[in-house]
Amino acid sequence: MDTVSVNQFRDKLKTFVDQAISNHTPLKVTRRAGEAFVVMSADDWEREQETLYVLQNSSLMQQIAESAQTHTRGQDYSPSSEEMDEITGI
């Protein structure tokens, strides 16, 4: 993660915000007092929140682990053609 001072951030606000959004890279902004904050796109922040939710949900993590095991053993689920039609809306 790149780091800039709050003065640099203020001077080039639009450039730094555009970079955070287009490159999907957060930017750490430091202040003289030692406090810092991070600038990132709203989409990236929402994705991070969703990831944290999954990682903190033991039931979902168990389902993922079981799915990985069945896939490794070649016992993964394959939908029928009728189920695929329903999923894809055909």
PDB file of N, CA and C in Angstrom:
ATOM      1  N   MET A   1       0.861  -1.175   0.000  1.00  0.00           N
ATOM      2  CA  MET A   1       0.000   0.000   0.000  1.00  0.00           C
ATOM      3  C   MET A   1       0.899   1.227   0.000  1.00  0.00           C
ATOM      4  N   ASP A   2       0.634   2.122  -0.926  1.00  0.00           N
ATOM      5  CA  ASP A   2       1.385   3.375  -0.981  1.00  0.00           C
ATOM      6  C   ASP A   2       0.973   4.276   0.182  1.00  0.00           C
ATOM      7  N   THR A   3       1.904   5.130   0.600  1.00  0.00           N
ATOM      8  CA  THR A   3       1.652   6.058   1.700  1.00  0.00           C
ATOM      9  C   THR A   3       2.028   7.457   1.259  1.00  0.00           C
ATOM     10  N   VAL A   4       1.167   8.410   1.582  1.00  0.00           N
ATOM     11  CA  VAL A   4       1.456   9.826   1.318  1.00  0.00           C
ATOM     12  C   VAL A   4       1.086  10.636   2.546  1.00  0.00           C
ATOM     13  N   SER A   5       1.661  11.825   2.642  1.00  0.00           N
ATOM     14  CA  SER A   5       1.305  12.722   3.742  1.00  0.00           C
ATOM     15  C   SER A   5      -0.045  13.366   3.440  1.00  0.00           C
ATOM     16  N   VAL A   6      -0.680  13.859   4.471  1.00  0.00           N
ATOM     17  CA  VAL A   6      -1.975  14.510   4.278  1.00  0.00           C
ATOM     18  C   VAL A   6      -1.827  15.758   3.404  1.00  0.00           C
ATOM     19  N   ASN A   7      -0.666  16.420   3.474  1.00  0.00           N
ATOM     20  CA  ASN A   7      -0.445  17.599   2.632  1.00  0.00           C
ATOM     21  C   ASN A   7      -0.353  17.202   1.156  1.00  0.00           C
ATOM     22  N   GLN A   8       0.374  16.117   0.870  1.00  0.00           N
ATOM     23  CA  GLN A   8       0.438  15.639  -0.516  1.00  0.00           C
ATOM     24  C   GLN A   8      -0.943  15.221  -1.002  1.00  0.00           C
ATOM     25  N   PHE A   9      -1.684  14.540  -0.124  1.00  0.00           N
ATOM     26  CA  PHE A   9      -3.027  14.087  -0.484  1.00  0.00           C
ATOM     27  C   PHE A   9      -3.929  15.275  -0.802  1.00  0.00           C
ATOM     28  N   ARG A  10      -3.876  16.288   0.033  1.00  0.00           N
ATOM     29  CA  ARG A  10      -4.712  17.470  -0.172  1.00  0.00           C
ATOM     30  C   ARG A  10      -4.349  18.167  -1.492  1.00  0.00           C
ATOM     31  N   ASP A  11      -3.055  18.259  -1.794  1.00  0.00           N
ATOM     32  CA  ASP A  11      -2.614  18.950  -3.012  1.00  0.00           C
ATOM     33  C   ASP A  11      -3.034  18.219  -4.286  1.00  0.00           C
ATOM     34  N   LYS A  12      -3.102  16.872  -4.203  1.00  0.00           N
ATOM     35  CA  LYS A  12      -3.429  16.083  -5.401  1.00  0.00           C
ATOM     36  C   LYS A  12      -4.635  15.185  -5.142  1.00  0.00           C
ATOM     37  N   LEU A  13      -5.621  15.700  -4.454  1.00  0.00           N
ATOM     38  CA  LEU A  13      -6.790  14.928  -4.038  1.00  0.00           C
ATOM     39  C   LEU A  13      -7.426  14.165  -5.196  1.00  0.00           C
ATOM     40  N   LYS A  14      -7.777  14.858  -6.264  1.00  0.00           N
ATOM     41  CA  LYS A  14      -8.462  14.211  -7.384  1.00  0.00           C
ATOM     42  C   LYS A  14      -7.619  13.087  -7.980  1.00  0.00           C
ATOM     43  N   THR A  15      -6.326  13.322  -8.155  1.00  0.00           N
ATOM     44  CA  THR A  15      -5.439  12.307  -8.723  1.00  0.00           C
ATOM     45  C   THR A  15      -5.399  11.060  -7.856  1.00  0.00           C
ATOM     46  N   PHE A  16      -5.234  11.246  -6.537  1.00  0.00           N
ATOM     47  CA  PHE A  16      -5.152  10.095  -5.637  1.00  0.00           C
ATOM     48  C   PHE A  16      -6.474   9.330  -5.568  1.00  0.00           C
ATOM     49  N   VAL A  17      -7.579  10.043  -5.558  1.00  0.00           N
ATOM     50  CA  VAL A  17      -8.885   9.381  -5.522  1.00  0.00           C
ATOM     51  C   VAL A  17      -9.117   8.609  -6.824  1.00  0.00           C
ATOM     52  N   ASP A  18      -8.809   9.238  -7.944  1.00  0.00           N
ATOM     53  CA  ASP A  18      -8.956   8.543  -9.238  1.00  0.00           C
ATOM     54  C   ASP A  18      -8.107   7.279  -9.289  1.00  0.00           C
ATOM     55  N   GLN A  19      -6.880   7.342  -8.771  1.00  0.00           N
ATOM     56  CA  GLN A  19      -6.003   6.165  -8.758  1.00  0.00           C
ATOM     57  C   GLN A  19      -6.569   5.065  -7.868  1.00  0.00           C
ATOM     58  N   ALA A  20      -7.071   5.429  -6.709  1.00  0.00           N
ATOM     59  CA  ALA A  20      -7.635   4.431  -5.791  1.00  0.00           C
ATOM     60  C   ALA A  20      -8.816   3.718  -6.435  1.00  0.00           C
ATOM     61  N   ILE A  21      -9.625   4.457  -7.168  1.00  0.00           N
ATOM     62  CA  ILE A  21     -10.797   3.872  -7.810  1.00  0.00           C
ATOM     63  C   ILE A  21     -10.410   3.049  -9.033  1.00  0.00           C
ATOM     64  N   SER A  22      -9.594   3.599  -9.907  1.00  0.00           N
ATOM     65  CA  SER A  22      -9.292   2.908 -11.165  1.00  0.00           C
ATOM     66  C   SER A  22      -8.313   1.745 -10.986  1.00  0.00           C
ATOM     67  N   ASN A  23      -7.363   1.846 -10.055  1.00  0.00           N
ATOM     68  CA  ASN A  23      -6.365   0.790  -9.858  1.00  0.00           C
ATOM     69  C   ASN A  23      -6.761  -0.205  -8.772  1.00  0.00           C
ATOM     70  N   HIS A  24      -7.838   0.084  -8.065  1.00  0.00           N
ATOM     71  CA  HIS A  24      -8.289  -0.771  -6.955  1.00  0.00           C
ATOM     72  C   HIS A  24      -7.182  -0.978  -5.931  1.00  0.00           C
ATOM     73  N   THR A  25      -6.457   0.091  -5.643  1.00  0.00           N
ATOM     74  CA  THR A  25      -5.409   0.030  -4.640  1.00  0.00           C
ATOM     75  C   THR A  25      -5.691   1.063  -3.556  1.00  0.00           C
ATOM     76  N   PRO A  26      -5.687   0.642  -2.298  1.00  0.00           N
ATOM     77  CA  PRO A  26      -5.901   1.603  -1.220  1.00  0.00           C
ATOM     78  C   PRO A  26      -4.681   2.497  -1.056  1.00  0.00           C
ATOM     79  N   LEU A  27      -4.886   3.643  -0.474  1.00  0.00           N
ATOM     80  CA  LEU A  27      -3.829   4.618  -0.230  1.00  0.00           C
ATOM     81  C   LEU A  27      -3.859   5.010   1.240  1.00  0.00           C
ATOM     82  N   LYS A  28      -2.726   4.875   1.904  1.00  0.00           N
ATOM     83  CA  LYS A  28      -2.616   5.272   3.306  1.00  0.00           C
ATOM     84  C   LYS A  28      -2.162   6.723   3.367  1.00  0.00           C
ATOM     85  N   VAL A  29      -2.918   7.537   4.109  1.00  0.00           N
ATOM     86  CA  VAL A  29      -2.606   8.955   4.251  1.00  0.00           C
ATOM     87  C   VAL A  29      -2.231   9.202   5.706  1.00  0.00           C
ATOM     88  N   THR A  30      -1.018   9.732   5.905  1.00  0.00           N
ATOM     89  CA  THR A  30      -0.521   9.952   7.265  1.00  0.00           C
ATOM     90  C   THR A  30      -0.618  11.432   7.639  1.00  0.00           C
ATOM     91  N   ARG A  31      -0.817  11.643   8.932  1.00  0.00           N
ATOM     92  CA  ARG A  31      -0.869  13.006   9.466  1.00  0.00           C
ATOM     93  C   ARG A  31       0.329  13.229  10.383  1.00  0.00           C
ATOM     94  N   ARG A  32       0.668  14.481  10.578  1.00  0.00           N
ATOM     95  CA  ARG A  32       1.808  14.814  11.433  1.00  0.00           C
ATOM     96  C   ARG A  32       1.651  14.271  12.846  1.00  0.00           C
ATOM     97  N   ALA A  33       0.434  14.252  13.344  1.00  0.00           N
ATOM     98  CA  ALA A  33       0.169  13.804  14.715  1.00  0.00           C
ATOM     99  C   ALA A  33       0.291  12.282  14.840  1.00  0.00           C
ATOM    100  N   GLY A  34       0.509  11.607  13.725  1.00  0.00           N
ATOM    101  CA  GLY A  34       0.667  10.168  13.770  1.00  0.00           C
ATOM    102  C   GLY A  34      -0.569   9.392  13.361  1.00  0.00           C
ATOM    103  N   GLU A  35      -1.711  10.034  13.390  1.00  0.00           N
ATOM    104  CA  GLU A  35      -2.936   9.365  12.956  1.00  0.00           C
ATOM    105  C   GLU A  35      -2.896   9.180  11.441  1.00  0.00           C
ATOM    106  N   ALA A  36      -3.476   8.099  10.971  1.00  0.00           N
ATOM    107  CA  ALA A  36      -3.507   7.835   9.534  1.00  0.00           C
ATOM    108  C   ALA A  36      -4.896   7.361   9.144  1.00  0.00           C
ATOM    109  N   PHE A  37      -5.202   7.456   7.856  1.00  0.00           N
ATOM    110  CA  PHE A  37      -6.456   6.926   7.342  1.00  0.00           C
ATOM    111  C   PHE A  37      -6.196   6.341   5.967  1.00  0.00           C
ATOM    112  N   VAL A  38      -7.134   5.539   5.499  1.00  0.00           N
ATOM    113  CA  VAL A  38      -6.985   4.846   4.221  1.00  0.00           C
ATOM    114  C   VAL A  38      -8.072   5.312   3.273  1.00  0.00           C
ATOM    115  N   VAL A  39      -7.694   5.546   2.035  1.00  0.00           N
ATOM    116  CA  VAL A  39      -8.628   5.925   0.977  1.00  0.00           C
ATOM    117  C   VAL A  39      -8.732   4.745   0.024  1.00  0.00           C
ATOM    118  N   MET A  40      -9.971   4.299  -0.211  1.00  0.00           N
ATOM    119  CA  MET A  40     -10.212   3.214  -1.157  1.00  0.00           C
ATOM    120  C   MET A  40     -11.584   3.399  -1.771  1.00  0.00           C
ATOM    121  N   SER A  41     -11.811   2.740  -2.899  1.00  0.00           N
ATOM    122  CA  SER A  41     -13.102   2.869  -3.562  1.00  0.00           C
ATOM    123  C   SER A  41     -14.190   2.206  -2.723  1.00  0.00           C
ATOM    124  N   ALA A  42     -15.404   2.677  -2.871  1.00  0.00           N
ATOM    125  CA  ALA A  42     -16.533   2.095  -2.146  1.00  0.00           C
ATOM    126  C   ALA A  42     -16.747   0.642  -2.549  1.00  0.00           C
ATOM    127  N   ASP A  43     -16.578   0.327  -3.825  1.00  0.00           N
ATOM    128  CA  ASP A  43     -16.725  -1.062  -4.289  1.00  0.00           C
ATOM    129  C   ASP A  43     -15.707  -1.971  -3.613  1.00  0.00           C
ATOM    130  N   ASP A  44     -14.461  -1.520  -3.529  1.00  0.00           N
ATOM    131  CA  ASP A  44     -13.425  -2.320  -2.876  1.00  0.00           C
ATOM    132  C   ASP A  44     -13.742  -2.509  -1.395  1.00  0.00           C
ATOM    133  N   TRP A  45     -14.224  -1.460  -0.744  1.00  0.00           N
ATOM    134  CA  TRP A  45     -14.567  -1.545   0.677  1.00  0.00           C
ATOM    135  C   TRP A  45     -15.698  -2.560   0.886  1.00  0.00           C
ATOM    136  N   GLU A  46     -16.710  -2.528   0.025  1.00  0.00           N
ATOM    137  CA  GLU A  46     -17.824  -3.472   0.146  1.00  0.00           C
ATOM    138  C   GLU A  46     -17.344  -4.907  -0.046  1.00  0.00           C
ATOM    139  N   ARG A  47     -16.441  -5.124  -1.014  1.00  0.00           N
ATOM    140  CA  ARG A  47     -15.883  -6.467  -1.216  1.00  0.00           C
ATOM    141  C   ARG A  47     -15.116  -6.930   0.020  1.00  0.00           C
ATOM    142  N   GLU A  48     -14.359  -6.028   0.616  1.00  0.00           N
ATOM    143  CA  GLU A  48     -13.616  -6.368   1.835  1.00  0.00           C
ATOM    144  C   GLU A  48     -14.576  -6.766   2.957  1.00  0.00           C
ATOM    145  N   GLN A  49     -15.673  -6.037   3.085  1.00  0.00           N
ATOM    146  CA  GLN A  49     -16.650  -6.336   4.130  1.00  0.00           C
ATOM    147  C   GLN A  49     -17.284  -7.706   3.904  1.00  0.00           C
ATOM    148  N   GLU A  50     -17.598  -8.027   2.646  1.00  0.00           N
ATOM    149  CA  GLU A  50     -18.176  -9.333   2.330  1.00  0.00           C
ATOM    150  C   GLU A  50     -17.190 -10.456   2.649  1.00  0.00           C
ATOM    151  N   THR A  51     -15.923 -10.244   2.315  1.00  0.00           N
ATOM    152  CA  THR A  51     -14.895 -11.240   2.614  1.00  0.00           C
ATOM    153  C   THR A  51     -14.769 -11.450   4.112  1.00  0.00           C
ATOM    154  N   LEU A  52     -14.752 -10.369   4.868  1.00  0.00           N
ATOM    155  CA  LEU A  52     -14.669 -10.486   6.329  1.00  0.00           C
ATOM    156  C   LEU A  52     -15.869 -11.240   6.885  1.00  0.00           C
ATOM    157  N   TYR A  53     -17.044 -10.992   6.340  1.00  0.00           N
ATOM    158  CA  TYR A  53     -18.245 -11.683   6.802  1.00  0.00           C
ATOM    159  C   TYR A  53     -18.106 -13.189   6.598  1.00  0.00           C
ATOM    160  N   VAL A  54     -17.654 -13.586   5.415  1.00  0.00           N
ATOM    161  CA  VAL A  54     -17.493 -15.011   5.129  1.00  0.00           C
ATOM    162  C   VAL A  54     -16.446 -15.622   6.049  1.00  0.00           C
ATOM    163  N   LEU A  55     -15.308 -14.949   6.200  1.00  0.00           N
ATOM    164  CA  LEU A  55     -14.230 -15.488   7.033  1.00  0.00           C
ATOM    165  C   LEU A  55     -14.632 -15.614   8.498  1.00  0.00           C
ATOM    166  N   GLN A  56     -15.528 -14.760   8.962  1.00  0.00           N
ATOM    167  CA  GLN A  56     -15.955 -14.788  10.361  1.00  0.00           C
ATOM    168  C   GLN A  56     -17.130 -15.723  10.588  1.00  0.00           C
ATOM    169  N   ASN A  57     -17.734 -16.235   9.526  1.00  0.00           N
ATOM    170  CA  ASN A  57     -18.896 -17.105   9.646  1.00  0.00           C
ATOM    171  C   ASN A  57     -18.428 -18.559   9.591  1.00  0.00           C
ATOM    172  N   SER A  58     -18.409 -19.209  10.747  1.00  0.00           N
ATOM    173  CA  SER A  58     -17.866 -20.571  10.815  1.00  0.00           C
ATOM    174  C   SER A  58     -18.681 -21.549   9.972  1.00  0.00           C
ATOM    175  N   SER A  59     -19.981 -21.355   9.858  1.00  0.00           N
ATOM    176  CA  SER A  59     -20.817 -22.240   9.055  1.00  0.00           C
ATOM    177  C   SER A  59     -20.435 -22.149   7.575  1.00  0.00           C
ATOM    178  N   LEU A  60     -20.260 -20.943   7.074  1.00  0.00           N
ATOM    179  CA  LEU A  60     -19.861 -20.771   5.671  1.00  0.00           C
ATOM    180  C   LEU A  60     -18.465 -21.332   5.430  1.00  0.00           C
ATOM    181  N   MET A  61     -17.556 -21.114   6.360  1.00  0.00           N
ATOM    182  CA  MET A  61     -16.199 -21.631   6.205  1.00  0.00           C
ATOM    183  C   MET A  61     -16.204 -23.163   6.191  1.00  0.00           C
ATOM    184  N   GLN A  62     -17.078 -23.769   6.995  1.00  0.00           N
ATOM    185  CA  GLN A  62     -17.195 -25.230   7.012  1.00  0.00           C
ATOM    186  C   GLN A  62     -17.711 -25.731   5.653  1.00  0.00           C
ATOM    187  N   GLN A  63     -18.708 -25.040   5.101  1.00  0.00           N
ATOM    188  CA  GLN A  63     -19.244 -25.424   3.794  1.00  0.00           C
ATOM    189  C   GLN A  63     -18.174 -25.313   2.709  1.00  0.00           C
ATOM    190  N   ILE A  64     -17.367 -24.272   2.769  1.00  0.00           N
ATOM    191  CA  ILE A  64     -16.296 -24.088   1.790  1.00  0.00           C
ATOM    192  C   ILE A  64     -15.267 -25.205   1.917  1.00  0.00           C
ATOM    193  N   ALA A  65     -14.898 -25.548   3.148  1.00  0.00           N
ATOM    194  CA  ALA A  65     -13.922 -26.618   3.381  1.00  0.00           C
ATOM    195  C   ALA A  65     -14.446 -27.958   2.871  1.00  0.00           C
ATOM    196  N   GLU A  66     -15.716 -28.249   3.154  1.00  0.00           N
ATOM    197  CA  GLU A  66     -16.313 -29.503   2.674  1.00  0.00           C
ATOM    198  C   GLU A  66     -16.373 -29.535   1.149  1.00  0.00           C
ATOM    199  N   SER A  67     -16.703 -28.425   0.552  1.00  0.00           N
ATOM    200  CA  SER A  67     -16.764 -28.354  -0.908  1.00  0.00           C
ATOM    201  C   SER A  67     -15.388 -28.575  -1.521  1.00  0.00           C
ATOM    202  N   ALA A  68     -14.363 -27.994  -0.926  1.00  0.00           N
ATOM    203  CA  ALA A  68     -13.000 -28.182  -1.426  1.00  0.00           C
ATOM    204  C   ALA A  68     -12.588 -29.645  -1.320  1.00  0.00           C
ATOM    205  N   GLN A  69     -12.976 -30.306  -0.242  1.00  0.00           N
ATOM    206  CA  GLN A  69     -12.631 -31.721  -0.063  1.00  0.00           C
ATOM    207  C   GLN A  69     -13.330 -32.594  -1.108  1.00  0.00           C
ATOM    208  N   THR A  70     -14.616 -32.383  -1.326  1.00  0.00           N
ATOM    209  CA  THR A  70     -15.334 -33.202  -2.316  1.00  0.00           C
ATOM    210  C   THR A  70     -14.797 -32.929  -3.720  1.00  0.00           C
ATOM    211  N   HIS A  71     -14.422 -31.696  -3.994  1.00  0.00           N
ATOM    212  CA  HIS A  71     -13.851 -31.367  -5.306  1.00  0.00           C
ATOM    213  C   HIS A  71     -12.523 -32.097  -5.504  1.00  0.00           C
ATOM    214  N   THR A  72     -11.694 -32.101  -4.465  1.00  0.00           N
ATOM    215  CA  THR A  72     -10.400 -32.782  -4.538  1.00  0.00           C
ATOM    216  C   THR A  72     -10.581 -34.279  -4.797  1.00  0.00           C
ATOM    217  N   ARG A  73     -11.606 -34.858  -4.206  1.00  0.00           N
ATOM    218  CA  ARG A  73     -11.872 -36.290  -4.388  1.00  0.00           C
ATOM    219  C   ARG A  73     -12.610 -36.575  -5.698  1.00  0.00           C
ATOM    220  N   GLY A  74     -12.947 -35.537  -6.447  1.00  0.00           N
ATOM    221  CA  GLY A  74     -13.673 -35.725  -7.693  1.00  0.00           C
ATOM    222  C   GLY A  74     -15.147 -36.006  -7.499  1.00  0.00           C
ATOM    223  N   GLN A  75     -15.665 -35.624  -6.345  1.00  0.00           N
ATOM    224  CA  GLN A  75     -17.067 -35.865  -6.025  1.00  0.00           C
ATOM    225  C   GLN A  75     -17.867 -34.569  -6.010  1.00  0.00           C
ATOM    226  N   ASP A  76     -17.388 -33.581  -6.752  1.00  0.00           N
ATOM    227  CA  ASP A  76     -18.094 -32.303  -6.752  1.00  0.00           C
ATOM    228  C   ASP A  76     -19.421 -32.421  -7.483  1.00  0.00           C
ATOM    229  N   TYR A  77     -20.305 -31.490  -7.189  1.00  0.00           N
ATOM    230  CA  TYR A  77     -21.671 -31.487  -7.716  1.00  0.00           C
ATOM    231  C   TYR A  77     -21.691 -30.925  -9.131  1.00  0.00           C
ATOM    232  N   SER A  78     -22.403 -31.599 -10.009  1.00  0.00           N
ATOM    233  CA  SER A  78     -22.631 -31.107 -11.371  1.00  0.00           C
ATOM    234  C   SER A  78     -24.135 -31.038 -11.607  1.00  0.00           C
ATOM    235  N   PRO A  79     -24.659 -29.836 -11.869  1.00  0.00           N
ATOM    236  CA  PRO A  79     -26.104 -29.718 -12.085  1.00  0.00           C
ATOM    237  C   PRO A  79     -26.539 -30.401 -13.372  1.00  0.00           C
ATOM    238  N   SER A  80     -27.784 -30.872 -13.376  1.00  0.00           N
ATOM    239  CA  SER A  80     -28.346 -31.482 -14.585  1.00  0.00           C
ATOM    240  C   SER A  80     -28.625 -30.378 -15.607  1.00  0.00           C
ATOM    241  N   SER A  81     -28.920 -30.781 -16.822  1.00  0.00           N
ATOM    242  CA  SER A  81     -29.210 -29.781 -17.860  1.00  0.00           C
ATOM    243  C   SER A  81     -30.460 -28.969 -17.522  1.00  0.00           C
ATOM    244  N   GLU A  82     -31.447 -29.613 -16.858  1.00  0.00           N
ATOM    245  CA  GLU A  82     -32.647 -28.893 -16.441  1.00  0.00           C
ATOM    246  C   GLU A  82     -32.306 -27.849 -15.362  1.00  0.00           C
ATOM    247  N   GLU A  83     -31.444 -28.230 -14.440  1.00  0.00           N
ATOM    248  CA  GLU A  83     -31.036 -27.291 -13.394  1.00  0.00           C
ATOM    249  C   GLU A  83     -30.234 -26.130 -13.992  1.00  0.00           C
ATOM    250  N   MET A  84     -29.387 -26.437 -14.966  1.00  0.00           N
ATOM    251  CA  MET A  84     -28.616 -25.381 -15.634  1.00  0.00           C
ATOM    252  C   MET A  84     -29.544 -24.411 -16.360  1.00  0.00           C
ATOM    253  N   ASP A  85     -30.587 -24.940 -17.008  1.00  0.00           N
ATOM    254  CA  ASP A  85     -31.560 -24.091 -17.678  1.00  0.00           C
ATOM    255  C   ASP A  85     -32.254 -23.167 -16.695  1.00  0.00           C
ATOM    256  N   GLU A  86     -32.574 -23.706 -15.506  1.00  0.00           N
ATOM    257  CA  GLU A  86     -33.218 -22.892 -14.478  1.00  0.00           C
ATOM    258  C   GLU A  86     -32.272 -21.824 -13.938  1.00  0.00           C
ATOM    259  N   ILE A  87     -31.015 -22.201 -13.754  1.00  0.00           N
ATOM    260  CA  ILE A  87     -30.013 -21.256 -13.241  1.00  0.00           C
ATOM    261  C   ILE A  87     -29.775 -20.133 -14.232  1.00  0.00           C
ATOM    262  N   THR A  88     -29.643 -20.486 -15.507  1.00  0.00           N
ATOM    263  CA  THR A  88     -29.331 -19.482 -16.528  1.00  0.00           C
ATOM    264  C   THR A  88     -30.573 -18.768 -17.071  1.00  0.00           C
ATOM    265  N   GLY A  89     -31.744 -19.266 -16.698  1.00  0.00           N
ATOM    266  CA  GLY A  89     -32.971 -18.628 -17.157  1.00  0.00           C
ATOM    267  C   GLY A  89     -33.335 -18.935 -18.590  1.00  0.00           C
ATOM    268  N   ILE A  90     -32.837 -20.011 -19.112  1.00  0.00           N
ATOM    269  CA  ILE A  90     -33.136 -20.392 -20.508  1.00  0.00           C
ATOM    270  C   ILE A  90     -34.418 -21.175 -20.547  1.00  0.00           C
TER     271      ILE A  90
END
